[in-house]
Amino acid sequence: MKKFITRSILGIFYGAFLAVIATNIVYFSGTEMLDGGAFFKNSLGFIFCGWFFTVTPLYFENENLQLWQQTALHFITVTILYFVLSLGIGWIPFELKSILIFGAIFIAGYATFWTAFYLYYKNKVKKLNEDLQHI
């Protein structure tokens, strides 16, 4: 529970930081006035994304689940939360073509990051096992 709360706080702060960065990009790109409703909605979206992207990796720390189960639970959770949020806020237009394009981009990004982390940790385990054999 302590790890969940710590990650929640970090995710919320990270999301808020991204919201500030995005707001500054919009503001300094020549916009003289920001729409308060859009600012609030997008800021909450960034904060919520920051939260669930830092909390959902806890699935991978559950030793009672196999890797495929951890990955499936993480993927389903993140996909549902991200697409409901994105469609609700308006980050993705509510059109079939847009949903399919963003879905494909999301799956490609997820697969890339998952593969990179998998290979990284596989390499770490290999090095640790080699070090253990030398001892």
C-alpha atoms as a PDB file:
ATOM      1  CA  MET A   1       0.000   0.000   0.000  1.00  0.00           C
ATOM      2  CA  LYS A   2       2.887   2.346   0.785  1.00  0.00           C
ATOM      3  CA  LYS A   3       4.336   1.756  -2.688  1.00  0.00           C
ATOM      4  CA  PHE A   4       0.934   2.463  -4.270  1.00  0.00           C
ATOM      5  CA  ILE A   5       0.593   5.771  -2.404  1.00  0.00           C
ATOM      6  CA  THR A   6       4.175   6.802  -3.175  1.00  0.00           C
ATOM      7  CA  ARG A   7       3.729   6.054  -6.866  1.00  0.00           C
ATOM      8  CA  SER A   8       0.356   7.793  -6.889  1.00  0.00           C
ATOM      9  CA  ILE A   9       1.876  10.973  -5.499  1.00  0.00           C
ATOM     10  CA  LEU A  10       4.792  10.817  -7.938  1.00  0.00           C
ATOM     11  CA  GLY A  11       2.438  10.196 -10.860  1.00  0.00           C
ATOM     12  CA  ILE A  12       0.182  13.089  -9.898  1.00  0.00           C
ATOM     13  CA  PHE A  13       3.153  15.443  -9.628  1.00  0.00           C
ATOM     14  CA  TYR A  14       4.590  14.180 -12.912  1.00  0.00           C
ATOM     15  CA  GLY A  15       1.239  14.668 -14.653  1.00  0.00           C
ATOM     16  CA  ALA A  16       0.934  18.178 -13.209  1.00  0.00           C
ATOM     17  CA  PHE A  17       4.452  18.967 -14.429  1.00  0.00           C
ATOM     18  CA  LEU A  18       3.540  17.802 -17.938  1.00  0.00           C
ATOM     19  CA  ALA A  19       0.390  19.940 -17.785  1.00  0.00           C
ATOM     20  CA  VAL A  20       2.504  23.003 -16.956  1.00  0.00           C
ATOM     21  CA  ILE A  21       4.910  22.207 -19.801  1.00  0.00           C
ATOM     22  CA  ALA A  22       2.035  21.759 -22.279  1.00  0.00           C
ATOM     23  CA  THR A  23       0.402  24.987 -21.097  1.00  0.00           C
ATOM     24  CA  ASN A  24       3.653  26.901 -21.569  1.00  0.00           C
ATOM     25  CA  ILE A  25       4.075  25.470 -25.054  1.00  0.00           C
ATOM     26  CA  VAL A  26       0.574  26.611 -25.977  1.00  0.00           C
ATOM     27  CA  TYR A  27       0.982  30.010 -24.291  1.00  0.00           C
ATOM     28  CA  PHE A  28       4.384  30.808 -25.767  1.00  0.00           C
ATOM     29  CA  SER A  29       3.324  29.704 -29.246  1.00  0.00           C
ATOM     30  CA  GLY A  30       1.429  32.963 -29.603  1.00  0.00           C
ATOM     31  CA  THR A  31      -1.850  32.332 -27.803  1.00  0.00           C
ATOM     32  CA  GLU A  32      -2.782  35.504 -25.941  1.00  0.00           C
ATOM     33  CA  MET A  33      -5.487  33.938 -23.800  1.00  0.00           C
ATOM     34  CA  LEU A  34      -6.018  30.404 -22.571  1.00  0.00           C
ATOM     35  CA  ASP A  35      -9.514  28.959 -22.295  1.00  0.00           C
ATOM     36  CA  GLY A  36     -10.041  28.211 -18.593  1.00  0.00           C
ATOM     37  CA  GLY A  37     -12.297  25.201 -19.163  1.00  0.00           C
ATOM     38  CA  ALA A  38      -9.957  23.614 -21.676  1.00  0.00           C
ATOM     39  CA  PHE A  39      -6.982  24.305 -19.408  1.00  0.00           C
ATOM     40  CA  PHE A  40      -8.695  22.656 -16.435  1.00  0.00           C
ATOM     41  CA  LYS A  41      -9.891  19.650 -18.461  1.00  0.00           C
ATOM     42  CA  ASN A  42      -6.481  19.067 -20.047  1.00  0.00           C
ATOM     43  CA  SER A  43      -4.625  19.554 -16.762  1.00  0.00           C
ATOM     44  CA  LEU A  44      -6.805  16.940 -15.067  1.00  0.00           C
ATOM     45  CA  GLY A  45      -6.199  14.644 -18.046  1.00  0.00           C
ATOM     46  CA  PHE A  46      -2.421  15.010 -17.706  1.00  0.00           C
ATOM     47  CA  ILE A  47      -2.609  14.431 -13.954  1.00  0.00           C
ATOM     48  CA  PHE A  48      -4.784  11.332 -14.352  1.00  0.00           C
ATOM     49  CA  CYS A  49      -2.483   9.954 -17.083  1.00  0.00           C
ATOM     50  CA  GLY A  50       0.545  10.593 -14.882  1.00  0.00           C
ATOM     51  CA  TRP A  51      -1.174   8.743 -12.063  1.00  0.00           C
ATOM     52  CA  PHE A  52      -2.245   5.631 -13.951  1.00  0.00           C
ATOM     53  CA  PHE A  53       0.981   5.322 -15.944  1.00  0.00           C
ATOM     54  CA  THR A  54       2.989   5.249 -12.688  1.00  0.00           C
ATOM     55  CA  VAL A  55       0.624   3.006 -10.718  1.00  0.00           C
ATOM     56  CA  THR A  56      -0.188   0.315 -13.299  1.00  0.00           C
ATOM     57  CA  PRO A  57       3.417  -1.017 -13.491  1.00  0.00           C
ATOM     58  CA  LEU A  58       2.723  -2.472 -10.043  1.00  0.00           C
ATOM     59  CA  TYR A  59       1.197  -5.399 -11.957  1.00  0.00           C
ATOM     60  CA  PHE A  60       4.753  -6.374 -12.915  1.00  0.00           C
ATOM     61  CA  GLU A  61       5.758  -6.590  -9.252  1.00  0.00           C
ATOM     62  CA  ASN A  62       3.052  -9.143  -8.437  1.00  0.00           C
ATOM     63  CA  GLU A  63       4.998 -12.410  -8.222  1.00  0.00           C
ATOM     64  CA  ASN A  64       1.783 -14.471  -8.175  1.00  0.00           C
ATOM     65  CA  LEU A  65       1.198 -13.658 -11.844  1.00  0.00           C
ATOM     66  CA  GLN A  66       3.105 -14.900 -14.855  1.00  0.00           C
ATOM     67  CA  LEU A  67       4.670 -12.362 -17.227  1.00  0.00           C
ATOM     68  CA  TRP A  68       1.942 -12.800 -19.855  1.00  0.00           C
ATOM     69  CA  GLN A  69      -0.741 -12.197 -17.203  1.00  0.00           C
ATOM     70  CA  GLN A  70       1.045  -9.116 -15.888  1.00  0.00           C
ATOM     71  CA  THR A  71       1.417  -7.778 -19.419  1.00  0.00           C
ATOM     72  CA  ALA A  72      -2.206  -8.500 -20.345  1.00  0.00           C
ATOM     73  CA  LEU A  73      -3.560  -6.843 -17.193  1.00  0.00           C
ATOM     74  CA  HIS A  74      -1.298  -3.831 -17.634  1.00  0.00           C
ATOM     75  CA  PHE A  75      -2.126  -3.455 -21.331  1.00  0.00           C
ATOM     76  CA  ILE A  76      -5.893  -3.768 -20.816  1.00  0.00           C
ATOM     77  CA  THR A  77      -5.923  -1.360 -17.868  1.00  0.00           C
ATOM     78  CA  VAL A  78      -3.780   1.271 -19.563  1.00  0.00           C
ATOM     79  CA  THR A  79      -5.613   0.962 -22.884  1.00  0.00           C
ATOM     80  CA  ILE A  80      -9.076   1.342 -21.373  1.00  0.00           C
ATOM     81  CA  LEU A  81      -8.091   4.222 -19.097  1.00  0.00           C
ATOM     82  CA  TYR A  82      -6.151   6.077 -21.790  1.00  0.00           C
ATOM     83  CA  PHE A  83      -8.775   5.755 -24.507  1.00  0.00           C
ATOM     84  CA  VAL A  84     -11.714   6.628 -22.256  1.00  0.00           C
ATOM     85  CA  LEU A  85      -9.797   9.669 -21.029  1.00  0.00           C
ATOM     86  CA  SER A  86      -8.549  10.696 -24.478  1.00  0.00           C
ATOM     87  CA  LEU A  87     -11.933  10.380 -26.119  1.00  0.00           C
ATOM     88  CA  GLY A  88     -13.669  12.148 -23.228  1.00  0.00           C
ATOM     89  CA  ILE A  89     -11.275  15.095 -23.183  1.00  0.00           C
ATOM     90  CA  GLY A  90     -11.019  15.356 -26.940  1.00  0.00           C
ATOM     91  CA  TRP A  91      -7.384  14.409 -27.407  1.00  0.00           C
ATOM     92  CA  ILE A  92      -8.631  11.834 -29.924  1.00  0.00           C
ATOM     93  CA  PRO A  93     -11.532  12.832 -32.176  1.00  0.00           C
ATOM     94  CA  PHE A  94     -14.545  10.554 -31.733  1.00  0.00           C
ATOM     95  CA  GLU A  95     -14.348   9.108 -35.253  1.00  0.00           C
ATOM     96  CA  LEU A  96     -13.610   5.511 -36.204  1.00  0.00           C
ATOM     97  CA  LYS A  97     -10.653   6.431 -38.428  1.00  0.00           C
ATOM     98  CA  SER A  98      -9.031   8.522 -35.675  1.00  0.00           C
ATOM     99  CA  ILE A  99      -9.611   5.852 -33.044  1.00  0.00           C
ATOM    100  CA  LEU A 100      -8.054   3.180 -35.289  1.00  0.00           C
ATOM    101  CA  ILE A 101      -5.032   5.353 -36.129  1.00  0.00           C
ATOM    102  CA  PHE A 102      -4.402   6.302 -32.505  1.00  0.00           C
ATOM    103  CA  GLY A 103      -5.019   2.690 -31.484  1.00  0.00           C
ATOM    104  CA  ALA A 104      -2.354   1.489 -33.899  1.00  0.00           C
ATOM    105  CA  ILE A 105       0.088   4.153 -32.671  1.00  0.00           C
ATOM    106  CA  PHE A 106      -0.687   3.213 -29.061  1.00  0.00           C
ATOM    107  CA  ILE A 107      -0.133  -0.508 -29.684  1.00  0.00           C
ATOM    108  CA  ALA A 108       3.121   0.152 -31.564  1.00  0.00           C
ATOM    109  CA  GLY A 109       4.375   2.398 -28.761  1.00  0.00           C
ATOM    110  CA  TYR A 110       3.337  -0.094 -26.092  1.00  0.00           C
ATOM    111  CA  ALA A 111       5.042  -2.962 -27.916  1.00  0.00           C
ATOM    112  CA  THR A 112       8.214  -0.912 -28.373  1.00  0.00           C
ATOM    113  CA  PHE A 113       8.432   0.087 -24.711  1.00  0.00           C
ATOM    114  CA  TRP A 114       7.524  -3.405 -23.492  1.00  0.00           C
ATOM    115  CA  THR A 115      10.176  -5.007 -25.702  1.00  0.00           C
ATOM    116  CA  ALA A 116      12.816  -2.477 -24.607  1.00  0.00           C
ATOM    117  CA  PHE A 117      12.102  -3.076 -20.916  1.00  0.00           C
ATOM    118  CA  TYR A 118      11.998  -6.845 -21.439  1.00  0.00           C
ATOM    119  CA  LEU A 119      15.385  -6.885 -23.170  1.00  0.00           C
ATOM    120  CA  TYR A 120      16.874  -4.520 -20.579  1.00  0.00           C
ATOM    121  CA  TYR A 121      15.812  -6.674 -17.636  1.00  0.00           C
ATOM    122  CA  LYS A 122      16.716  -9.899 -19.424  1.00  0.00           C
ATOM    123  CA  ASN A 123      20.228  -8.516 -19.913  1.00  0.00           C
ATOM    124  CA  LYS A 124      20.396  -7.454 -16.234  1.00  0.00           C
ATOM    125  CA  VAL A 125      19.401 -10.958 -15.122  1.00  0.00           C
ATOM    126  CA  LYS A 126      22.027 -12.498 -17.395  1.00  0.00           C
ATOM    127  CA  LYS A 127      24.757 -10.248 -15.938  1.00  0.00           C
ATOM    128  CA  LEU A 128      23.649 -10.966 -12.363  1.00  0.00           C
ATOM    129  CA  ASN A 129      23.702 -14.708 -13.024  1.00  0.00           C
ATOM    130  CA  GLU A 130      27.185 -14.451 -14.526  1.00  0.00           C
ATOM    131  CA  ASP A 131      28.395 -12.486 -11.487  1.00  0.00           C
ATOM    132  CA  LEU A 132      26.889 -15.080  -9.164  1.00  0.00           C
ATOM    133  CA  GLN A 133      28.711 -17.893 -10.963  1.00  0.00           C
ATOM    134  CA  HIS A 134      32.027 -16.061 -10.498  1.00  0.00           C
ATOM    135  CA  ILE A 135      31.529 -15.864  -6.746  1.00  0.00           C
END
